């Protein structure tokens, strides 16, 4: 039950983190940092865009006026990391494939 609760907390943290990311990107566009916003959007699938938006959000926290958003993003990011680690420590066997490698692979036989 604890693993399920921690997993739900981790999912909620991820959703809040995405919302914070979108808010920071919108503020970048509003402050005419279009190049940075596009760079973050284009590299988000590589994993760099979110980190870049996070760092640039903190660097330009007063310019973008996003201090409460950045504080919330930092808290949910840390909480998500902690809950993710806790889930993997508490129930590592539930995170793996149960039958991986335990069933024989059917082999086609050729008869002549």
Protein backbone atom coordinates (compact mmCIF):
# COMPACT_ATOMS: atom_id res chain seq x y z
CA UNK A 1 0.00 0.00 0.00
CA UNK A 2 2.86 2.36 0.79
CA UNK A 3 4.39 1.73 -2.63
CA UNK A 4 1.12 2.66 -4.33
CA UNK A 5 0.87 5.88 -2.30
CA UNK A 6 4.46 6.82 -3.12
CA UNK A 7 3.85 6.06 -6.79
CA UNK A 8 0.80 8.33 -6.81
CA UNK A 9 2.79 11.11 -5.15
CA UNK A 10 5.48 10.68 -7.80
CA UNK A 11 2.89 10.91 -10.59
CA UNK A 12 1.37 14.07 -9.09
CA UNK A 13 4.85 15.59 -8.79
CA UNK A 14 5.48 14.84 -12.47
CA UNK A 15 2.23 16.51 -13.52
CA UNK A 16 2.96 19.61 -11.42
CA UNK A 17 6.48 19.70 -12.85
CA UNK A 18 5.12 19.71 -16.42
CA UNK A 19 2.74 22.54 -15.52
CA UNK A 20 5.63 24.56 -14.05
CA UNK A 21 7.70 23.89 -17.19
CA UNK A 22 4.90 25.18 -19.41
CA UNK A 23 4.43 28.27 -17.23
CA UNK A 24 8.14 29.15 -17.40
CA UNK A 25 8.14 28.67 -21.20
CA UNK A 26 5.11 30.97 -21.53
CA UNK A 27 6.90 33.60 -19.43
CA UNK A 28 9.96 33.30 -21.68
CA UNK A 29 7.79 34.06 -24.70
CA UNK A 30 6.14 36.99 -22.90
CA UNK A 31 9.53 38.50 -22.03
CA UNK A 32 10.69 38.22 -25.66
CA UNK A 33 13.14 35.40 -24.94
CA UNK A 34 11.69 33.51 -27.89
CA UNK A 35 14.98 31.86 -28.82
CA UNK A 36 15.44 30.40 -25.34
CA UNK A 37 11.82 29.26 -25.19
CA UNK A 38 12.10 27.53 -28.56
CA UNK A 39 15.39 25.94 -27.57
CA UNK A 40 13.78 24.54 -24.41
CA UNK A 41 10.78 23.25 -26.37
CA UNK A 42 12.87 21.68 -29.12
CA UNK A 43 15.22 19.92 -26.72
CA UNK A 44 12.64 18.79 -24.16
CA UNK A 45 12.42 15.30 -25.66
CA UNK A 46 16.18 14.92 -25.29
CA UNK A 47 15.93 15.66 -21.58
CA UNK A 48 17.87 18.88 -21.92
CA UNK A 49 14.91 21.23 -22.41
CA UNK A 50 13.41 20.71 -18.97
CA UNK A 51 16.75 21.16 -17.25
CA UNK A 52 17.49 24.22 -19.36
CA UNK A 53 14.11 25.79 -18.55
CA UNK A 54 14.62 25.01 -14.86
CA UNK A 55 18.07 26.62 -14.74
CA UNK A 56 17.05 29.62 -16.86
CA UNK A 57 13.92 30.04 -14.75
CA UNK A 58 16.05 30.38 -11.63
CA UNK A 59 18.59 32.64 -13.35
CA UNK A 60 15.84 34.96 -14.63
CA UNK A 61 13.44 34.50 -11.72
CA UNK A 62 12.91 38.25 -11.27
CA UNK A 63 12.76 39.02 -14.98
CA UNK A 64 10.08 36.39 -15.60
CA UNK A 65 8.41 37.00 -12.22
CA UNK A 66 8.19 33.27 -11.52
CA UNK A 67 9.61 32.95 -8.01
CA UNK A 68 6.58 31.05 -6.55
CA UNK A 69 6.50 28.76 -9.58
CA UNK A 70 10.23 28.04 -9.33
CA UNK A 71 9.97 27.31 -5.61
CA UNK A 72 7.06 24.93 -6.27
CA UNK A 73 8.94 23.33 -9.17
CA UNK A 74 12.02 22.79 -7.01
CA UNK A 75 9.96 21.22 -4.21
CA UNK A 76 8.04 18.85 -6.50
CA UNK A 77 11.21 17.93 -8.36
CA UNK A 78 12.97 17.00 -5.11
CA UNK A 79 9.88 15.20 -3.78
CA UNK A 80 9.52 13.29 -7.05
CA UNK A 81 13.14 12.15 -6.91
CA UNK A 82 12.80 11.05 -3.28
CA UNK A 83 9.55 9.17 -3.88
CA UNK A 84 10.95 7.53 -7.02
CA UNK A 85 13.97 6.28 -5.09
CA UNK A 86 11.76 5.14 -2.21
CA UNK A 87 9.51 3.13 -4.53
CA UNK A 88 12.51 1.37 -6.06
CA UNK A 89 14.05 0.66 -2.66
CA UNK A 90 10.86 -0.58 -1.02
CA UNK A 91 9.64 -2.78 -3.84
CA UNK A 92 12.33 -3.50 -6.43
CA UNK A 93 10.76 -6.79 -7.46
CA UNK A 94 7.50 -5.06 -8.39
CA UNK A 95 9.32 -2.81 -10.84
CA UNK A 96 10.81 -5.64 -12.86
CA UNK A 97 9.26 -7.96 -15.39
CA UNK A 98 7.88 -10.92 -13.46
CA UNK A 99 8.30 -13.57 -16.12
CA UNK A 100 11.30 -12.15 -17.91
CA UNK A 101 13.46 -15.04 -18.96
CA UNK A 102 11.42 -17.69 -17.18
CA UNK A 103 9.53 -19.00 -20.20
CA UNK A 104 11.22 -20.88 -22.99
CA UNK A 105 11.09 -19.28 -26.38
CA UNK A 106 9.20 -21.41 -28.90
CA UNK A 107 11.46 -22.58 -31.68
CA UNK A 108 10.11 -23.46 -35.07
CA UNK A 109 11.17 -26.88 -36.21
CA UNK A 110 11.73 -27.72 -39.80
CA UNK A 111 10.89 -31.23 -40.94
CA UNK A 112 12.05 -32.55 -44.24
